[in-house]
N, C-alpha and C. Protein backbone atom coordinates (compact mmCIF):
# COMPACT_ATOMS: atom_id res chain seq x y z
N MET A 1 -29.61 -5.05 10.52
CA MET A 1 -30.12 -4.91 11.77
C MET A 1 -31.54 -4.43 11.37
N LYS A 2 -32.04 -3.81 10.61
CA LYS A 2 -33.31 -3.30 10.37
C LYS A 2 -34.09 -4.37 9.77
N TYR A 3 -33.66 -5.37 8.79
CA TYR A 3 -34.56 -6.52 8.81
C TYR A 3 -34.59 -7.49 9.71
N MET A 4 -33.55 -7.77 10.66
CA MET A 4 -33.92 -8.48 11.48
C MET A 4 -35.01 -8.08 12.43
N LYS A 5 -34.96 -7.01 13.09
CA LYS A 5 -36.17 -6.69 13.90
C LYS A 5 -37.15 -6.63 13.05
N LYS A 6 -37.41 -6.52 11.67
CA LYS A 6 -38.77 -6.62 10.98
C LYS A 6 -39.38 -8.13 11.09
N ILE A 7 -38.24 -8.87 10.78
CA ILE A 7 -38.48 -10.37 10.86
C ILE A 7 -38.93 -11.08 12.26
N ILE A 8 -38.34 -10.36 13.20
CA ILE A 8 -38.37 -10.75 14.56
C ILE A 8 -39.91 -10.38 15.03
N SER A 9 -40.31 -9.27 14.41
CA SER A 9 -41.74 -8.47 14.55
C SER A 9 -42.67 -9.38 14.02
N ILE A 10 -42.40 -9.88 12.99
CA ILE A 10 -43.59 -10.32 12.25
C ILE A 10 -43.60 -12.10 12.78
N MET A 11 -42.59 -12.52 13.12
CA MET A 11 -42.44 -13.84 14.05
C MET A 11 -43.34 -13.90 14.85
N LEU A 12 -43.25 -12.76 15.77
CA LEU A 12 -43.98 -12.78 17.04
C LEU A 12 -45.45 -12.39 16.47
N PHE A 13 -45.93 -12.02 16.26
CA PHE A 13 -47.07 -11.43 15.32
C PHE A 13 -47.54 -12.76 15.08
N LEU A 14 -46.83 -13.43 13.95
CA LEU A 14 -47.51 -14.70 13.76
C LEU A 14 -47.91 -15.77 14.70
N LEU A 15 -46.73 -15.87 15.95
CA LEU A 15 -46.86 -16.44 17.23
C LEU A 15 -48.17 -16.25 17.89
N LEU A 16 -48.19 -14.95 17.79
CA LEU A 16 -49.43 -14.56 18.68
C LEU A 16 -50.68 -14.93 17.84
N LEU A 17 -50.87 -14.87 16.66
CA LEU A 17 -51.98 -15.35 16.08
C LEU A 17 -52.50 -16.79 15.93
N THR A 18 -51.19 -17.55 15.80
CA THR A 18 -51.35 -18.99 15.90
C THR A 18 -51.77 -19.43 17.19
N GLY A 19 -51.56 -18.88 18.19
CA GLY A 19 -51.98 -19.00 19.68
C GLY A 19 -53.40 -18.59 20.05
N CYS A 20 -53.88 -17.43 19.46
CA CYS A 20 -55.11 -17.11 19.64
C CYS A 20 -56.20 -17.56 19.18
N GLY A 21 -57.06 -18.49 19.64
CA GLY A 21 -58.55 -19.02 19.12
C GLY A 21 -57.95 -20.61 18.38
N SER A 22 -56.77 -20.79 18.24
CA SER A 22 -56.49 -22.05 17.58
C SER A 22 -56.77 -23.46 18.65
N LYS A 23 -56.40 -23.06 19.85
CA LYS A 23 -56.87 -24.26 21.12
C LYS A 23 -57.99 -24.21 21.60
N GLN A 24 -59.12 -24.92 21.33
CA GLN A 24 -60.45 -24.61 22.23
C GLN A 24 -60.06 -25.22 23.40
N GLU A 25 -60.63 -24.80 24.36
CA GLU A 25 -60.79 -25.08 25.90
C GLU A 25 -61.73 -26.33 25.92
N ASP A 26 -61.33 -27.20 26.99
CA ASP A 26 -62.40 -28.06 27.15
C ASP A 26 -63.66 -27.83 27.62
N PHE A 27 -64.59 -28.36 27.81
CA PHE A 27 -65.93 -28.07 28.01
C PHE A 27 -66.05 -28.06 29.66
N TYR A 28 -66.87 -27.11 30.17
CA TYR A 28 -66.53 -26.87 31.79
C TYR A 28 -67.89 -26.30 32.04
N LEU A 29 -68.35 -26.47 33.18
CA LEU A 29 -69.42 -25.39 33.58
C LEU A 29 -69.10 -24.27 34.91
N ASN A 30 -69.82 -23.04 34.44
CA ASN A 30 -69.86 -22.29 35.60
C ASN A 30 -70.74 -22.33 36.66
N TYR A 31 -70.50 -22.78 37.89
CA TYR A 31 -71.93 -22.97 38.72
C TYR A 31 -71.29 -22.64 39.73
N ASN A 32 -72.30 -21.49 40.51
CA ASN A 32 -71.98 -21.04 41.72
C ASN A 32 -70.80 -19.93 41.73
N ASN A 33 -70.63 -19.64 40.77
CA ASN A 33 -69.70 -18.38 40.47
C ASN A 33 -67.86 -19.11 40.51
N LYS A 34 -68.01 -20.39 40.00
CA LYS A 34 -66.76 -21.14 40.06
C LYS A 34 -66.74 -22.20 38.97
N LYS A 35 -65.73 -22.33 38.35
CA LYS A 35 -65.50 -23.42 37.17
C LYS A 35 -65.61 -24.74 37.97
N LEU A 36 -66.58 -25.25 37.17
CA LEU A 36 -66.59 -26.77 37.55
C LEU A 36 -65.90 -27.66 36.37
N LEU A 37 -64.84 -28.44 36.55
CA LEU A 37 -63.79 -28.69 35.45
C LEU A 37 -63.92 -30.27 35.40
N LEU A 38 -64.33 -30.84 34.35
CA LEU A 38 -64.16 -32.21 34.00
C LEU A 38 -62.50 -32.71 34.39
N ASN A 39 -62.26 -34.08 34.70
CA ASN A 39 -60.88 -34.63 34.98
C ASN A 39 -60.05 -33.53 35.97
N HIS A 40 -60.90 -32.94 36.92
CA HIS A 40 -60.16 -32.63 37.92
C HIS A 40 -60.69 -32.83 39.28
N SER A 41 -60.08 -32.36 40.42
CA SER A 41 -60.33 -32.69 41.77
C SER A 41 -61.83 -32.14 42.32
N PHE A 42 -62.49 -32.92 42.97
CA PHE A 42 -63.76 -32.17 43.33
C PHE A 42 -63.69 -32.12 44.64
N SER A 43 -64.26 -30.77 45.19
CA SER A 43 -64.73 -30.89 46.75
C SER A 43 -65.95 -30.08 46.46
N GLU A 44 -66.91 -31.39 47.24
CA GLU A 44 -68.44 -31.21 46.93
C GLU A 44 -69.12 -29.76 47.79
N SER A 45 -68.21 -29.56 48.89
CA SER A 45 -69.02 -28.29 49.35
C SER A 45 -68.15 -26.91 48.76
N GLU A 46 -67.59 -27.01 47.87
CA GLU A 46 -66.94 -25.70 47.13
C GLU A 46 -68.19 -25.17 46.39
N TYR A 47 -69.34 -26.23 46.03
CA TYR A 47 -70.42 -25.43 45.08
C TYR A 47 -71.62 -25.28 45.62
N GLY A 48 -71.57 -25.39 47.08
CA GLY A 48 -72.83 -25.04 47.87
C GLY A 48 -72.92 -26.61 48.42
N GLN A 49 -74.10 -26.41 49.10
CA GLN A 49 -74.71 -27.72 50.23
C GLN A 49 -75.54 -28.37 48.83
N TYR A 50 -74.83 -29.54 48.78
CA TYR A 50 -75.58 -30.78 47.97
C TYR A 50 -76.63 -31.38 48.71
N ASN A 51 -77.67 -31.93 48.31
CA ASN A 51 -79.04 -32.14 48.84
C ASN A 51 -78.97 -34.11 49.05
N ASP A 52 -78.14 -34.53 48.46
CA ASP A 52 -78.01 -36.19 48.47
C ASP A 52 -76.85 -36.43 47.97
N SER A 53 -76.04 -37.80 47.98
CA SER A 53 -75.26 -38.22 47.40
C SER A 53 -75.18 -39.59 47.42
N PHE A 54 -74.95 -40.61 46.28
CA PHE A 54 -74.84 -41.75 46.63
C PHE A 54 -73.69 -42.42 46.14
N GLU A 55 -73.08 -43.51 46.55
CA GLU A 55 -71.94 -44.41 46.07
C GLU A 55 -72.29 -45.49 45.47
N SER A 56 -71.58 -46.07 44.72
CA SER A 56 -71.37 -47.39 43.59
C SER A 56 -70.34 -47.62 43.41
N GLU A 57 -70.26 -48.85 43.13
CA GLU A 57 -68.52 -49.31 42.87
C GLU A 57 -68.67 -49.27 41.42
N ASN A 58 -67.22 -48.92 41.02
CA ASN A 58 -67.03 -48.87 39.36
C ASN A 58 -65.62 -49.77 39.14
N CYS A 59 -65.82 -50.61 38.43
CA CYS A 59 -64.99 -51.32 37.86
C CYS A 59 -64.39 -50.73 36.82
N ALA A 60 -64.59 -49.56 35.97
CA ALA A 60 -64.12 -49.00 35.07
C ALA A 60 -62.65 -48.35 35.75
N PHE A 61 -63.01 -47.63 37.00
CA PHE A 61 -61.83 -46.98 37.39
C PHE A 61 -61.30 -47.51 38.77
N GLY A 62 -62.00 -48.32 39.14
CA GLY A 62 -61.06 -49.42 40.16
C GLY A 62 -61.39 -48.77 41.62
N ASP A 63 -62.25 -48.07 41.62
CA ASP A 63 -62.59 -47.73 43.44
C ASP A 63 -64.36 -47.32 43.08
N LYS A 64 -64.66 -46.28 43.87
CA LYS A 64 -65.86 -46.00 44.01
C LYS A 64 -66.46 -44.88 43.07
N ASP A 65 -67.73 -44.83 42.75
CA ASP A 65 -68.24 -43.41 42.27
C ASP A 65 -69.15 -42.73 43.44
N ILE A 66 -68.73 -41.74 43.48
CA ILE A 66 -70.06 -40.73 44.25
C ILE A 66 -70.45 -39.68 43.51
N THR A 67 -72.01 -39.82 43.40
CA THR A 67 -72.75 -38.71 42.38
C THR A 67 -73.54 -37.80 43.71
N TYR A 68 -73.13 -36.68 43.39
CA TYR A 68 -73.78 -35.64 44.59
C TYR A 68 -74.90 -34.92 43.54
N ILE A 69 -75.97 -34.61 44.61
CA ILE A 69 -77.11 -34.15 43.82
C ILE A 69 -77.47 -33.40 44.38
N TYR A 70 -77.34 -31.82 43.43
CA TYR A 70 -77.36 -30.36 43.96
C TYR A 70 -79.23 -30.07 43.42
N ASP A 71 -79.37 -28.75 43.79
CA ASP A 71 -80.63 -28.39 43.48
C ASP A 71 -80.54 -28.38 41.98
N ASP A 72 -79.68 -28.03 41.08
CA ASP A 72 -79.66 -27.91 39.82
C ASP A 72 -79.08 -28.89 38.74
N LEU A 73 -78.17 -29.66 39.68
CA LEU A 73 -77.02 -30.53 38.65
C LEU A 73 -76.75 -31.77 39.36
N GLU A 74 -76.23 -32.62 38.79
CA GLU A 74 -75.63 -33.75 39.43
C GLU A 74 -74.45 -34.02 38.87
N VAL A 75 -73.36 -34.03 39.88
CA VAL A 75 -71.92 -33.95 39.57
C VAL A 75 -71.60 -35.87 40.04
N GLU A 76 -70.91 -36.52 39.26
CA GLU A 76 -70.37 -37.88 39.12
C GLU A 76 -68.74 -37.80 39.15
N ALA A 77 -67.99 -38.15 40.17
CA ALA A 77 -66.84 -38.20 40.52
C ALA A 77 -66.25 -39.52 40.85
N TYR A 78 -65.18 -40.00 40.64
CA TYR A 78 -64.68 -41.24 41.05
C TYR A 78 -63.50 -40.99 41.80
N GLY A 79 -62.83 -41.81 42.57
CA GLY A 79 -61.77 -41.85 43.37
C GLY A 79 -60.25 -42.42 42.64
N ASN A 80 -59.63 -41.53 42.74
CA ASN A 80 -58.34 -42.05 42.21
C ASN A 80 -57.29 -42.57 43.24
N SER A 81 -55.95 -42.96 42.68
CA SER A 81 -55.00 -43.29 43.88
C SER A 81 -54.40 -42.54 44.78
N LYS A 82 -54.91 -41.19 44.60
CA LYS A 82 -54.48 -40.18 45.56
C LYS A 82 -55.27 -39.87 46.77
N GLY A 83 -56.47 -40.63 46.62
CA GLY A 83 -57.74 -40.44 47.38
C GLY A 83 -58.44 -39.15 46.83
N GLU A 84 -58.31 -38.38 45.67
CA GLU A 84 -59.28 -37.45 44.98
C GLU A 84 -60.42 -37.96 44.57
N MET A 85 -61.27 -36.91 44.71
CA MET A 85 -62.50 -37.30 43.72
C MET A 85 -62.55 -36.31 42.50
N ILE A 86 -62.33 -37.18 41.09
CA ILE A 86 -62.43 -36.46 40.07
C ILE A 86 -63.44 -36.62 39.20
N VAL A 87 -64.02 -35.22 39.13
CA VAL A 87 -65.25 -35.27 38.15
C VAL A 87 -65.19 -35.86 36.68
N TYR A 88 -66.13 -36.87 36.19
CA TYR A 88 -66.35 -37.19 34.89
C TYR A 88 -67.65 -36.81 34.41
N SER A 89 -68.49 -36.57 35.04
CA SER A 89 -69.87 -36.32 34.52
C SER A 89 -70.46 -35.33 35.36
N ILE A 90 -71.29 -34.45 34.73
CA ILE A 90 -71.95 -33.49 35.12
C ILE A 90 -73.40 -33.38 34.18
N THR A 91 -74.29 -33.49 35.07
CA THR A 91 -75.61 -33.54 34.35
C THR A 91 -76.33 -32.15 35.13
N LEU A 92 -76.87 -31.71 34.04
CA LEU A 92 -78.16 -30.26 34.57
C LEU A 92 -79.61 -30.80 34.54
N THR A 93 -80.01 -30.73 35.84
CA THR A 93 -81.30 -30.96 36.18
C THR A 93 -82.12 -30.11 36.29
N SER A 94 -82.06 -28.77 36.34
CA SER A 94 -83.22 -27.68 36.31
C SER A 94 -82.83 -26.62 35.07
N GLU A 95 -83.65 -26.16 34.77
CA GLU A 95 -83.68 -24.93 33.84
C GLU A 95 -83.16 -23.66 34.31
N ASN A 96 -83.15 -24.05 35.80
CA ASN A 96 -81.80 -22.75 36.15
C ASN A 96 -80.62 -22.28 36.12
N VAL A 97 -80.08 -23.51 35.42
CA VAL A 97 -78.37 -23.73 35.29
C VAL A 97 -78.33 -23.79 33.45
N LYS A 98 -77.43 -23.07 33.16
CA LYS A 98 -77.23 -23.20 31.63
C LYS A 98 -75.73 -23.44 31.38
N THR A 99 -75.84 -23.68 30.06
CA THR A 99 -74.21 -23.73 29.78
C THR A 99 -73.54 -22.59 29.71
N ASN A 100 -72.28 -22.29 29.87
CA ASN A 100 -71.64 -21.39 29.23
C ASN A 100 -71.91 -20.71 28.25
N GLU A 101 -72.35 -21.07 27.14
CA GLU A 101 -72.98 -20.58 26.05
C GLU A 101 -74.59 -20.05 26.17
N GLY A 102 -75.39 -19.93 27.33
CA GLY A 102 -76.69 -19.74 27.38
C GLY A 102 -77.57 -21.00 26.94
N ILE A 103 -77.17 -22.28 26.88
CA ILE A 103 -78.35 -23.12 26.60
C ILE A 103 -78.59 -23.83 27.93
N GLY A 104 -79.91 -24.13 28.01
CA GLY A 104 -80.54 -24.61 29.17
C GLY A 104 -81.65 -25.96 28.52
N LEU A 105 -82.28 -26.72 29.40
CA LEU A 105 -83.02 -27.60 29.35
C LEU A 105 -84.18 -26.69 28.91
N TYR A 106 -84.72 -27.60 27.73
CA TYR A 106 -85.84 -26.99 27.07
C TYR A 106 -85.83 -25.76 25.95
N ASP A 107 -84.67 -25.88 25.98
CA ASP A 107 -84.53 -24.44 24.81
C ASP A 107 -84.56 -25.73 23.07
N SER A 108 -84.02 -25.14 22.22
CA SER A 108 -84.42 -25.93 21.30
C SER A 108 -83.12 -26.46 20.47
N LEU A 109 -83.10 -27.65 19.42
CA LEU A 109 -82.24 -27.86 18.64
C LEU A 109 -81.61 -26.84 17.53
N ASP A 110 -82.51 -25.83 17.29
CA ASP A 110 -81.91 -25.00 16.57
C ASP A 110 -80.75 -23.95 17.49
N ASP A 111 -81.37 -23.88 18.75
CA ASP A 111 -80.27 -22.92 19.59
C ASP A 111 -79.11 -23.54 19.95
N ILE A 112 -79.05 -24.75 19.87
CA ILE A 112 -78.14 -25.61 20.20
C ILE A 112 -76.93 -25.05 18.66
N ILE A 113 -77.35 -25.54 17.83
CA ILE A 113 -76.76 -25.42 16.63
C ILE A 113 -76.36 -23.72 16.44
N SER A 114 -77.11 -22.77 16.88
CA SER A 114 -76.82 -21.54 16.72
C SER A 114 -75.59 -21.24 17.53
N LYS A 115 -75.60 -21.69 18.66
CA LYS A 115 -74.14 -21.50 19.59
C LYS A 115 -73.23 -22.15 19.45
N TYR A 116 -73.61 -23.79 19.04
CA TYR A 116 -72.30 -24.58 19.05
C TYR A 116 -71.82 -24.95 17.77
N GLY A 117 -72.78 -24.66 16.80
CA GLY A 117 -72.23 -24.95 15.17
C GLY A 117 -72.85 -26.58 14.61
N ASN A 118 -72.20 -26.55 13.50
CA ASN A 118 -72.71 -28.16 12.99
C ASN A 118 -71.71 -29.09 13.23
N GLU A 119 -70.76 -28.89 13.98
CA GLU A 119 -69.42 -30.12 14.04
C GLU A 119 -69.97 -30.85 15.01
N TYR A 120 -71.06 -31.63 15.23
CA TYR A 120 -71.86 -32.52 16.27
C TYR A 120 -71.32 -33.95 15.78
N GLN A 121 -71.44 -35.13 16.67
CA GLN A 121 -71.54 -36.20 16.24
C GLN A 121 -73.05 -36.58 16.55
N LYS A 122 -74.13 -36.87 15.77
CA LYS A 122 -75.24 -37.25 16.18
C LYS A 122 -75.50 -38.99 15.82
N GLU A 123 -76.50 -39.23 17.10
CA GLU A 123 -76.67 -40.57 17.06
C GLU A 123 -78.03 -40.62 17.59
N GLY A 124 -79.13 -40.74 16.61
CA GLY A 124 -80.46 -40.62 17.07
C GLY A 124 -80.75 -39.40 17.47
N ASN A 125 -81.32 -39.39 18.73
CA ASN A 125 -81.83 -37.96 19.15
C ASN A 125 -80.40 -37.18 20.14
N THR A 126 -79.35 -37.59 19.74
CA THR A 126 -78.30 -37.60 20.80
C THR A 126 -77.49 -36.60 19.94
N TYR A 127 -76.62 -35.31 20.40
CA TYR A 127 -75.83 -34.47 19.67
C TYR A 127 -74.80 -34.58 20.84
N ARG A 128 -73.52 -34.59 19.74
CA ARG A 128 -72.35 -34.66 20.72
C ARG A 128 -71.37 -33.74 19.97
N TYR A 129 -70.89 -32.63 20.83
CA TYR A 129 -69.63 -32.04 20.35
C TYR A 129 -68.48 -32.15 21.38
N ILE A 130 -67.54 -32.50 20.97
CA ILE A 130 -66.06 -33.01 21.43
C ILE A 130 -64.96 -32.00 21.24
N HIS A 131 -64.20 -31.90 22.70
CA HIS A 131 -63.14 -30.95 22.32
C HIS A 131 -61.75 -31.61 23.54
N ASN A 132 -60.93 -32.00 23.08
CA ASN A 132 -60.09 -32.62 23.31
C ASN A 132 -60.47 -33.89 24.28
N ASN A 133 -60.44 -33.95 25.48
CA ASN A 133 -61.06 -35.26 25.97
C ASN A 133 -62.42 -35.06 26.72
N THR A 134 -63.17 -34.04 26.66
CA THR A 134 -64.31 -33.66 26.99
C THR A 134 -65.43 -33.34 25.82
N GLU A 135 -66.79 -33.95 26.61
CA GLU A 135 -67.59 -33.83 25.01
C GLU A 135 -68.95 -33.16 26.06
N LEU A 136 -69.57 -32.35 25.19
CA LEU A 136 -70.84 -31.91 25.73
C LEU A 136 -72.03 -32.29 25.18
N VAL A 137 -72.89 -32.98 25.44
CA VAL A 137 -73.93 -34.16 25.01
C VAL A 137 -75.06 -33.57 25.29
N PHE A 138 -76.59 -33.11 24.27
CA PHE A 138 -77.44 -32.86 24.55
C PHE A 138 -78.19 -33.90 24.14
N ILE A 139 -79.16 -34.44 24.34
CA ILE A 139 -80.47 -35.37 24.10
C ILE A 139 -81.49 -34.73 23.89
N THR A 140 -82.35 -35.06 22.93
CA THR A 140 -83.53 -34.01 22.61
C THR A 140 -84.59 -34.85 22.26
N GLN A 141 -85.87 -34.36 22.46
CA GLN A 141 -87.10 -35.20 22.09
C GLN A 141 -87.72 -34.17 21.48
N ASN A 142 -88.26 -34.32 20.34
CA ASN A 142 -89.38 -33.49 19.14
C ASN A 142 -88.28 -32.21 19.34
N ASN A 143 -87.26 -32.04 19.10
CA ASN A 143 -86.01 -30.98 18.84
C ASN A 143 -85.97 -30.36 19.95
N ILE A 144 -86.47 -30.34 21.46
CA ILE A 144 -86.23 -29.74 22.46
C ILE A 144 -85.30 -30.72 23.31
N ILE A 145 -84.33 -29.67 23.73
CA ILE A 145 -83.34 -30.38 24.86
C ILE A 145 -84.18 -31.04 26.16
N GLU A 146 -83.81 -32.50 26.12
CA GLU A 146 -84.26 -32.97 27.33
C GLU A 146 -82.90 -33.56 28.49
N THR A 147 -81.76 -33.47 27.98
CA THR A 147 -80.84 -33.46 28.65
C THR A 147 -79.88 -32.84 28.36
N ILE A 148 -78.82 -32.38 29.46
CA ILE A 148 -77.68 -31.68 28.97
C ILE A 148 -76.46 -32.37 29.70
N GLU A 149 -75.35 -33.05 29.52
CA GLU A 149 -74.26 -33.59 30.27
C GLU A 149 -73.11 -33.08 29.61
N TYR A 150 -72.20 -32.92 30.25
CA TYR A 150 -70.74 -32.95 30.30
C TYR A 150 -70.14 -34.28 30.58
N ARG A 151 -69.14 -34.72 29.65
CA ARG A 151 -68.25 -36.11 30.15
C ARG A 151 -66.78 -35.77 29.72
N LEU A 152 -66.16 -36.84 30.37
CA LEU A 152 -64.90 -37.05 29.88
C LEU A 152 -65.01 -37.88 28.87
N VAL A 153 -64.21 -38.03 27.79
CA VAL A 153 -64.20 -38.92 26.79
C VAL A 153 -63.55 -40.33 27.01
N ASN A 154 -62.37 -39.95 27.78
CA ASN A 154 -61.56 -40.93 28.21
C ASN A 154 -60.86 -40.60 29.71
N VAL A 155 -61.30 -41.69 30.51
CA VAL A 155 -60.35 -41.67 31.74
C VAL A 155 -59.04 -41.95 31.74
N ASP A 156 -58.33 -40.84 32.54
CA ASP A 156 -56.90 -41.67 32.85
C ASP A 156 -56.51 -42.44 33.55
């Protein structure tokens, strides 16, 4: 019986260890004290008053896209079969908003690598970090961040 308790304790401890830190969460942005999640339904008013919006047809999703323009970012969403708007892209447009790790427009490439590491995909001056079905994209010019975008990798 003693051995059984020890074995169970060890197994529970190992189970806890494998659960901690092994699954990395999808990329998302905290905006106006709320999580702005990719591939989730979007209510434009939940994040404050947006300045403008525009619709476009999208053959890939089979419905319309709407881009919502806020003071500090743009959110692109598509309509699904349930009539919900689903976030597939978030682009930071001002220095006032930073990633959850503190990286913002006009920071350096060194800043990106110090926060996110070397496991990126590089194409020209574009650096992509991918987690599950989301990616965080940094576009640089002379090693300075010009664009930060969160994107879905694949749309369901």
